[in-house]
C-alpha atoms as a PDB file:
ATOM      1  CA  MET A   1     125.526  90.602 199.609  1.00  0.00           C
ATOM      2  CA  SER A   2     124.643  87.803 197.431  1.00  0.00           C
ATOM      3  CA  ALA A   3     122.970  88.354 193.973  1.00  0.00           C
ATOM      4  CA  GLU A   4     119.821  86.464 195.082  1.00  0.00           C
ATOM      5  CA  GLN A   5     118.655  89.014 197.334  1.00  0.00           C
ATOM      6  CA  PHE A   6     117.657  91.045 194.253  1.00  0.00           C
ATOM      7  CA  LEU A   7     116.355  88.660 191.973  1.00  0.00           C
ATOM      8  CA  ASP A   8     112.983  90.008 192.982  1.00  0.00           C
ATOM      9  CA  LEU A   9     113.472  93.351 191.332  1.00  0.00           C
ATOM     10  CA  THR A  10     113.529  94.755 187.660  1.00  0.00           C
ATOM     11  CA  VAL A  11     114.579  98.253 186.733  1.00  0.00           C
ATOM     12  CA  ILE A  12     113.454  99.847 183.930  1.00  0.00           C
ATOM     13  CA  LEU A  13     115.650 102.429 182.132  1.00  0.00           C
ATOM     14  CA  PRO A  14     113.591 104.233 179.304  1.00  0.00           C
ATOM     15  CA  THR A  15     116.369 105.692 176.816  1.00  0.00           C
ATOM     16  CA  LEU A  16     116.587 108.323 173.965  1.00  0.00           C
ATOM     17  CA  ASN A  17     119.988 108.795 172.900  1.00  0.00           C
ATOM     18  CA  GLU A  18     121.679 108.164 176.321  1.00  0.00           C
ATOM     19  CA  VAL A  19     124.788 106.206 174.728  1.00  0.00           C
ATOM     20  CA  GLY A  20     127.127 108.119 177.010  1.00  0.00           C
ATOM     21  CA  ASN A  21     125.479 107.372 180.383  1.00  0.00           C
ATOM     22  CA  LEU A  22     124.155 103.731 179.901  1.00  0.00           C
ATOM     23  CA  GLU A  23     127.332 101.569 180.275  1.00  0.00           C
ATOM     24  CA  SER A  24     128.166 103.204 183.760  1.00  0.00           C
ATOM     25  CA  LEU A  25     124.611 103.268 184.776  1.00  0.00           C
ATOM     26  CA  ILE A  26     124.142  99.393 184.258  1.00  0.00           C
ATOM     27  CA  GLU A  27     127.648  98.735 186.055  1.00  0.00           C
ATOM     28  CA  GLY A  28     126.191 100.689 188.865  1.00  0.00           C
ATOM     29  CA  LEU A  29     123.156  99.007 189.297  1.00  0.00           C
ATOM     30  CA  GLY A  30     124.815  95.632 189.116  1.00  0.00           C
ATOM     31  CA  ASN A  31     127.111  96.907 191.925  1.00  0.00           C
ATOM     32  CA  GLN A  32     124.104  98.197 194.035  1.00  0.00           C
ATOM     33  CA  LEU A  33     121.633  95.503 193.130  1.00  0.00           C
ATOM     34  CA  PRO A  34     123.504  92.545 191.983  1.00  0.00           C
ATOM     35  CA  GLY A  35     121.207  89.945 190.412  1.00  0.00           C
ATOM     36  CA  CYS A  36     118.317  92.401 189.280  1.00  0.00           C
ATOM     37  CA  GLN A  37     116.828  92.288 186.118  1.00  0.00           C
ATOM     38  CA  VAL A  38     117.235  95.469 183.859  1.00  0.00           C
ATOM     39  CA  ILE A  39     115.047  96.384 181.134  1.00  0.00           C
ATOM     40  CA  VAL A  40     116.408  99.121 178.671  1.00  0.00           C
ATOM     41  CA  VAL A  41     113.066 100.361 176.487  1.00  0.00           C
ATOM     42  CA  ASP A  42     114.674 102.492 173.782  1.00  0.00           C
ATOM     43  CA  ASP A  43     112.582 105.073 171.662  1.00  0.00           C
ATOM     44  CA  ASN A  44     114.383 105.402 168.231  1.00  0.00           C
ATOM     45  CA  SER A  45     117.898 106.535 169.439  1.00  0.00           C
ATOM     46  CA  SER A  46     119.880 107.683 166.778  1.00  0.00           C
ATOM     47  CA  ASP A  47     123.085 107.870 168.801  1.00  0.00           C
ATOM     48  CA  GLY A  48     123.671 103.989 169.069  1.00  0.00           C
ATOM     49  CA  THR A  49     122.178 103.466 172.322  1.00  0.00           C
ATOM     50  CA  PRO A  50     120.380 100.220 171.192  1.00  0.00           C
ATOM     51  CA  ASP A  51     123.773  98.788 169.637  1.00  0.00           C
ATOM     52  CA  LEU A  52     125.511  99.554 173.105  1.00  0.00           C
ATOM     53  CA  VAL A  53     122.768  97.635 175.161  1.00  0.00           C
ATOM     54  CA  ARG A  54     122.878  94.757 172.825  1.00  0.00           C
ATOM     55  CA  THR A  55     126.775  94.613 173.310  1.00  0.00           C
ATOM     56  CA  ILE A  56     126.472  95.074 177.211  1.00  0.00           C
ATOM     57  CA  ALA A  57     123.840  92.168 177.045  1.00  0.00           C
ATOM     58  CA  GLY A  58     126.120  89.760 175.092  1.00  0.00           C
ATOM     59  CA  ARG A  59     128.050  89.565 178.573  1.00  0.00           C
ATOM     60  CA  ASN A  60     125.113  90.493 181.131  1.00  0.00           C
ATOM     61  CA  ALA A  61     122.317  87.778 181.002  1.00  0.00           C
ATOM     62  CA  SER A  62     120.224  90.294 183.592  1.00  0.00           C
ATOM     63  CA  LEU A  63     120.113  93.018 180.693  1.00  0.00           C
ATOM     64  CA  ARG A  64     117.256  93.158 177.915  1.00  0.00           C
ATOM     65  CA  LEU A  65     116.290  95.384 175.223  1.00  0.00           C
ATOM     66  CA  ILE A  66     113.273  96.576 173.965  1.00  0.00           C
ATOM     67  CA  ALA A  67     113.553  98.566 170.879  1.00  0.00           C
ATOM     68  CA  ARG A  68     110.591 100.851 170.044  1.00  0.00           C
ATOM     69  CA  HIS A  69     110.518 102.141 166.456  1.00  0.00           C
ATOM     70  CA  VAL A  70     107.605 104.555 166.959  1.00  0.00           C
ATOM     71  CA  THR A  71     107.437 108.202 168.136  1.00  0.00           C
ATOM     72  CA  PRO A  72     109.251 108.473 171.484  1.00  0.00           C
ATOM     73  CA  CYS A  73     106.837 108.561 174.458  1.00  0.00           C
ATOM     74  CA  LEU A  74     107.955 108.139 178.102  1.00  0.00           C
ATOM     75  CA  THR A  75     104.972 107.071 179.538  1.00  0.00           C
ATOM     76  CA  ASP A  76     104.373 104.136 176.926  1.00  0.00           C
ATOM     77  CA  SER A  77     108.120 103.253 177.199  1.00  0.00           C
ATOM     78  CA  ILE A  78     107.818 102.804 180.926  1.00  0.00           C
ATOM     79  CA  GLN A  79     104.531 100.714 180.198  1.00  0.00           C
ATOM     80  CA  ALA A  80     106.247  98.812 177.855  1.00  0.00           C
ATOM     81  CA  GLY A  81     108.907  97.848 180.782  1.00  0.00           C
ATOM     82  CA  ILE A  82     106.316  97.285 183.144  1.00  0.00           C
ATOM     83  CA  GLU A  83     104.212  94.593 180.846  1.00  0.00           C
ATOM     84  CA  ALA A  84     107.653  92.963 179.888  1.00  0.00           C
ATOM     85  CA  SER A  85     108.500  92.305 183.485  1.00  0.00           C
ATOM     86  CA  SER A  86     107.717  89.576 185.719  1.00  0.00           C
ATOM     87  CA  THR A  87     109.215  90.222 188.853  1.00  0.00           C
ATOM     88  CA  PRO A  88     107.370  90.993 192.328  1.00  0.00           C
ATOM     89  CA  TYR A  89     108.941  94.343 192.452  1.00  0.00           C
ATOM     90  CA  ILE A  90     109.465  96.740 189.490  1.00  0.00           C
ATOM     91  CA  ALA A  91     111.592 100.168 189.472  1.00  0.00           C
ATOM     92  CA  TRP A  92     112.388 102.563 187.060  1.00  0.00           C
ATOM     93  CA  MET A  93     114.321 105.676 186.864  1.00  0.00           C
ATOM     94  CA  ASP A  94     116.015 107.983 184.686  1.00  0.00           C
ATOM     95  CA  ALA A  95     119.115 106.794 182.636  1.00  0.00           C
ATOM     96  CA  ASP A  96     121.149 109.970 183.044  1.00  0.00           C
ATOM     97  CA  HIS A  97     122.722 109.234 186.271  1.00  0.00           C
ATOM     98  CA  SER A  98     120.178 112.086 187.948  1.00  0.00           C
ATOM     99  CA  HIS A  99     118.788 109.036 189.800  1.00  0.00           C
ATOM    100  CA  PRO A 100     121.773 107.555 191.623  1.00  0.00           C
ATOM    101  CA  PRO A 101     121.686 103.582 191.652  1.00  0.00           C
ATOM    102  CA  GLN A 102     122.597 103.797 195.744  1.00  0.00           C
ATOM    103  CA  VAL A 103     119.432 105.678 196.251  1.00  0.00           C
ATOM    104  CA  LEU A 104     117.685 103.035 194.056  1.00  0.00           C
ATOM    105  CA  ARG A 105     118.765 100.335 196.812  1.00  0.00           C
ATOM    106  CA  LYS A 106     117.236 102.402 199.348  1.00  0.00           C
ATOM    107  CA  LEU A 107     114.055 102.675 197.729  1.00  0.00           C
ATOM    108  CA  TYR A 108     114.054  98.993 197.150  1.00  0.00           C
ATOM    109  CA  GLU A 109     114.569  98.267 200.933  1.00  0.00           C
ATOM    110  CA  VAL A 110     111.644 100.699 201.998  1.00  0.00           C
ATOM    111  CA  ALA A 111     109.257  99.243 199.291  1.00  0.00           C
ATOM    112  CA  ARG A 112     109.748  95.468 200.722  1.00  0.00           C
ATOM    113  CA  VAL A 113     108.346  96.800 203.648  1.00  0.00           C
ATOM    114  CA  SER A 114     105.699  99.607 202.678  1.00  0.00           C
ATOM    115  CA  GLY A 115     105.002  98.342 199.189  1.00  0.00           C
ATOM    116  CA  CYS A 116     106.070 101.479 197.135  1.00  0.00           C
ATOM    117  CA  CYS A 117     108.825 104.181 197.374  1.00  0.00           C
ATOM    118  CA  ILE A 118     109.467 107.016 195.499  1.00  0.00           C
ATOM    119  CA  GLY A 119     112.596 108.980 195.551  1.00  0.00           C
ATOM    120  CA  THR A 120     112.176 112.968 196.376  1.00  0.00           C
ATOM    121  CA  ARG A 121     114.336 115.877 195.414  1.00  0.00           C
ATOM    122  CA  TYR A 122     112.623 117.914 198.326  1.00  0.00           C
ATOM    123  CA  ALA A 123     113.238 117.901 201.820  1.00  0.00           C
ATOM    124  CA  LYS A 124     110.127 119.565 202.262  1.00  0.00           C
ATOM    125  CA  ALA A 125     107.173 120.721 199.976  1.00  0.00           C
ATOM    126  CA  ALA A 126     108.510 124.181 199.222  1.00  0.00           C
ATOM    127  CA  ASP A 127     112.260 123.209 199.100  1.00  0.00           C
ATOM    128  CA  SER A 128     114.083 123.744 195.787  1.00  0.00           C
ATOM    129  CA  PHE A 129     117.059 121.641 194.490  1.00  0.00           C
ATOM    130  CA  ALA A 130     117.638 124.285 191.729  1.00  0.00           C
ATOM    131  CA  SER A 131     120.523 125.689 193.422  1.00  0.00           C
ATOM    132  CA  ARG A 132     122.682 122.371 193.052  1.00  0.00           C
ATOM    133  CA  LEU A 133     122.394 122.341 189.428  1.00  0.00           C
ATOM    134  CA  PRO A 134     124.006 123.979 186.311  1.00  0.00           C
ATOM    135  CA  LYS A 135     122.560 126.927 185.286  1.00  0.00           C
ATOM    136  CA  GLY A 136     121.284 125.251 181.952  1.00  0.00           C
ATOM    137  CA  GLU A 137     119.039 123.059 184.205  1.00  0.00           C
ATOM    138  CA  MET A 138     118.044 125.715 187.000  1.00  0.00           C
ATOM    139  CA  LEU A 139     115.011 126.912 185.037  1.00  0.00           C
ATOM    140  CA  ALA A 140     113.472 123.381 184.816  1.00  0.00           C
ATOM    141  CA  ALA A 141     114.317 122.530 188.558  1.00  0.00           C
ATOM    142  CA  GLY A 142     112.871 125.980 189.642  1.00  0.00           C
ATOM    143  CA  LEU A 143     109.590 125.487 187.483  1.00  0.00           C
ATOM    144  CA  SER A 144     109.521 121.864 188.790  1.00  0.00           C
ATOM    145  CA  ALA A 145     109.514 123.002 192.385  1.00  0.00           C
ATOM    146  CA  VAL A 146     106.688 125.456 191.656  1.00  0.00           C
ATOM    147  CA  LEU A 147     104.526 122.790 190.163  1.00  0.00           C
ATOM    148  CA  ASN A 148     105.281 120.229 192.815  1.00  0.00           C
ATOM    149  CA  PHE A 149     104.346 123.171 195.610  1.00  0.00           C
ATOM    150  CA  SER A 150     101.063 123.789 193.686  1.00  0.00           C
ATOM    151  CA  VAL A 151     100.020 120.205 193.141  1.00  0.00           C
ATOM    152  CA  ASN A 152     100.694 119.440 196.795  1.00  0.00           C
ATOM    153  CA  ARG A 153      98.465 122.233 197.798  1.00  0.00           C
ATOM    154  CA  VAL A 154      95.542 121.077 195.555  1.00  0.00           C
ATOM    155  CA  LEU A 155      95.959 117.271 195.987  1.00  0.00           C
ATOM    156  CA  GLN A 156      97.048 117.404 199.683  1.00  0.00           C
ATOM    157  CA  LEU A 157      98.643 114.056 200.017  1.00  0.00           C
ATOM    158  CA  GLU A 158     101.691 113.081 202.151  1.00  0.00           C
ATOM    159  CA  ILE A 159     103.776 113.548 199.114  1.00  0.00           C
ATOM    160  CA  THR A 160     106.339 116.088 198.150  1.00  0.00           C
ATOM    161  CA  ASP A 161     107.750 114.984 194.444  1.00  0.00           C
ATOM    162  CA  TYR A 162     105.035 114.551 192.319  1.00  0.00           C
ATOM    163  CA  THR A 163     107.193 114.618 189.067  1.00  0.00           C
ATOM    164  CA  SER A 164     110.011 112.133 190.531  1.00  0.00           C
ATOM    165  CA  GLY A 165     109.887 109.372 188.213  1.00  0.00           C
ATOM    166  CA  PHE A 166     112.160 107.389 190.367  1.00  0.00           C
ATOM    167  CA  ILE A 167     110.131 104.765 192.057  1.00  0.00           C
ATOM    168  CA  VAL A 168     110.236 100.868 193.233  1.00  0.00           C
ATOM    169  CA  CYS A 169     106.695  99.326 193.617  1.00  0.00           C
ATOM    170  CA  ARG A 170     105.378  95.967 194.560  1.00  0.00           C
ATOM    171  CA  ARG A 171     104.291  94.505 191.013  1.00  0.00           C
ATOM    172  CA  ASP A 172     100.550  93.643 192.001  1.00  0.00           C
ATOM    173  CA  LEU A 173      99.844  97.347 193.012  1.00  0.00           C
ATOM    174  CA  LEU A 174     100.589  98.319 189.060  1.00  0.00           C
ATOM    175  CA  ALA A 175      98.819  94.979 187.668  1.00  0.00           C
ATOM    176  CA  ASN A 176      95.173  96.741 186.788  1.00  0.00           C
ATOM    177  CA  HIS A 177      96.534 100.101 185.983  1.00  0.00           C
ATOM    178  CA  ALA A 178      97.654 101.955 182.775  1.00  0.00           C
ATOM    179  CA  LEU A 179      99.726 104.541 182.910  1.00  0.00           C
ATOM    180  CA  THR A 180      98.426 108.000 181.426  1.00  0.00           C
ATOM    181  CA  GLY A 181      99.839 110.912 179.530  1.00  0.00           C
ATOM    182  CA  ASP A 182     102.827 111.379 177.298  1.00  0.00           C
ATOM    183  CA  TYR A 183     105.390 112.432 179.868  1.00  0.00           C
ATOM    184  CA  GLY A 184     106.102 113.340 183.465  1.00  0.00           C
ATOM    185  CA  GLU A 185     102.318 113.973 184.127  1.00  0.00           C
ATOM    186  CA  TYR A 186     101.910 110.009 184.351  1.00  0.00           C
ATOM    187  CA  PHE A 187     103.633 109.989 187.788  1.00  0.00           C
ATOM    188  CA  ILE A 188     101.130 112.664 189.345  1.00  0.00           C
ATOM    189  CA  GLU A 189      98.212 110.175 188.074  1.00  0.00           C
ATOM    190  CA  LEU A 190      99.886 107.270 189.592  1.00  0.00           C
ATOM    191  CA  VAL A 191     100.854 108.881 192.707  1.00  0.00           C
ATOM    192  CA  PHE A 192      97.132 109.727 192.991  1.00  0.00           C
ATOM    193  CA  TYR A 193      96.009 106.322 192.339  1.00  0.00           C
ATOM    194  CA  LEU A 194      98.269 104.365 194.437  1.00  0.00           C
ATOM    195  CA  THR A 195      97.262 106.768 197.527  1.00  0.00           C
ATOM    196  CA  ARG A 196      93.425 106.101 196.465  1.00  0.00           C
ATOM    197  CA  ARG A 197      94.296 102.627 196.967  1.00  0.00           C
ATOM    198  CA  GLY A 198      95.274 102.992 200.429  1.00  0.00           C
ATOM    199  CA  VAL A 199      99.148 102.137 199.573  1.00  0.00           C
ATOM    200  CA  ASP A 200     101.602 102.905 202.104  1.00  0.00           C
ATOM    201  CA  LEU A 201     103.368 105.233 199.753  1.00  0.00           C
ATOM    202  CA  ARG A 202     106.840 106.456 201.190  1.00  0.00           C
ATOM    203  CA  GLU A 203     109.525 108.922 200.015  1.00  0.00           C
ATOM    204  CA  VAL A 204     113.209 108.789 200.460  1.00  0.00           C
ATOM    205  CA  TYR A 205     115.070 112.170 200.129  1.00  0.00           C
ATOM    206  CA  TYR A 206     117.981 112.207 197.804  1.00  0.00           C
ATOM    207  CA  GLU A 207     120.407 114.941 196.048  1.00  0.00           C
ATOM    208  CA  SER A 208     119.792 114.954 192.222  1.00  0.00           C
ATOM    209  CA  PRO A 209     123.280 115.035 190.258  1.00  0.00           C
ATOM    210  CA  PRO A 210     123.301 116.735 186.993  1.00  0.00           C
ATOM    211  CA  ARG A 211     123.279 114.500 184.278  1.00  0.00           C
ATOM    212  CA  LEU A 212     126.498 112.644 183.018  1.00  0.00           C
ATOM    213  CA  SER A 213     126.401 113.034 179.407  1.00  0.00           C
ATOM    214  CA  GLY A 214     123.965 114.338 176.550  1.00  0.00           C
ATOM    215  CA  GLU A 215     120.927 116.655 176.783  1.00  0.00           C
ATOM    216  CA  SER A 216     117.795 116.825 178.860  1.00  0.00           C
ATOM    217  CA  LYS A 217     114.497 115.600 177.337  1.00  0.00           C
ATOM    218  CA  THR A 218     112.879 118.084 179.229  1.00  0.00           C
ATOM    219  CA  GLY A 219     113.872 121.246 177.516  1.00  0.00           C
ATOM    220  CA  ALA A 220     115.591 124.362 178.434  1.00  0.00           C
ATOM    221  CA  SER A 221     113.595 127.097 177.559  1.00  0.00           C
ATOM    222  CA  LEU A 222     110.481 128.561 179.044  1.00  0.00           C
ATOM    223  CA  LEU A 223     107.737 128.143 176.475  1.00  0.00           C
ATOM    224  CA  PRO A 224     107.814 124.125 176.326  1.00  0.00           C
ATOM    225  CA  LEU A 225     108.330 123.936 180.153  1.00  0.00           C
ATOM    226  CA  MET A 226     105.543 126.017 180.610  1.00  0.00           C
ATOM    227  CA  ARG A 227     103.190 123.719 177.971  1.00  0.00           C
ATOM    228  CA  ARG A 228     104.430 120.921 179.746  1.00  0.00           C
ATOM    229  CA  GLY A 229     103.407 122.484 183.141  1.00  0.00           C
ATOM    230  CA  VAL A 230      99.771 123.368 181.841  1.00  0.00           C
ATOM    231  CA  LYS A 231      99.196 119.986 181.150  1.00  0.00           C
ATOM    232  CA  TYR A 232     100.372 118.988 184.403  1.00  0.00           C
ATOM    233  CA  LEU A 233      97.808 121.346 186.130  1.00  0.00           C
ATOM    234  CA  TRP A 234      95.067 120.186 183.915  1.00  0.00           C
ATOM    235  CA  LEU A 235      95.713 116.660 185.082  1.00  0.00           C
ATOM    236  CA  VAL A 236      95.493 117.776 188.386  1.00  0.00           C
ATOM    237  CA  ALA A 237      92.369 119.606 187.628  1.00  0.00           C
ATOM    238  CA  ARG A 238      90.719 116.697 186.128  1.00  0.00           C
ATOM    239  CA  LEU A 239      91.896 114.287 188.986  1.00  0.00           C
ATOM    240  CA  MET A 240      90.211 116.630 191.377  1.00  0.00           C
ATOM    241  CA  LEU A 241      86.783 117.025 189.378  1.00  0.00           C
ATOM    242  CA  ASN A 242      86.562 112.953 188.505  1.00  0.00           C
ATOM    243  CA  PRO A 243      89.080 110.999 190.947  1.00  0.00           C
ATOM    244  CA  GLY A 244      87.624 107.780 189.246  1.00  0.00           C
ATOM    245  CA  THR A 245      89.393 108.717 186.008  1.00  0.00           C
ATOM    246  CA  SER A 246      92.710 108.007 187.521  1.00  0.00           C
ATOM    247  CA  ASN A 247      91.425 104.145 188.091  1.00  0.00           C
ATOM    248  CA  SER A 248      91.932 103.098 184.134  1.00  0.00           C
ATOM    249  CA  SER A 249      93.228  99.825 183.198  1.00  0.00           C
ATOM    250  CA  ARG A 250      94.336  97.851 180.173  1.00  0.00           C
END
């Protein structure tokens, strides 16, 4: 497959201390989606992640770095990548190998037909992927499954993974929309916004492997996970009470 086939895609990688994961991930993206643009948006990493990206970019013209010297914020990082991109299709994914490049290629192929496609870790809305993860990540996975099931019961959309963070979308569908929140809740709001616009939002099931290196930013203890869950559920309540609030723009 020639490189020209993926010149219409930009992949955004938000990073915070992912030096042990990036080189192999960027190589995997190049193998699966040759010719795609890759934008690494780094939020003040202290492990040398920006220096590594600059080194790789010296031999890879398709790679760019946006170094944000601010308080880390996943949502703002992704938004910065969206605004810096110019291709007809935009994707973003985690930089820890939990989102495999070969699956991203499948999402791209579906999005070329439907306009938007997300990766789902659930074959069914109530399915849990926790049993396939290391013990240190099982708590977060279990709570994620409960959260997704709850959100699905409330919003009743044809979606199973509201906290996926793994997506390929046509650029024009995002043009007048600003991501909201400071972590994974932005994805719930985005899914709600796209479905209300009538976008044919499709899902591709995949198995999420454990992170290759480093520590999860989600948190492994119960209290911070519950705090995030409360923020997610508050967002869902706001969307139900005032659906128009999801249509914000910059």
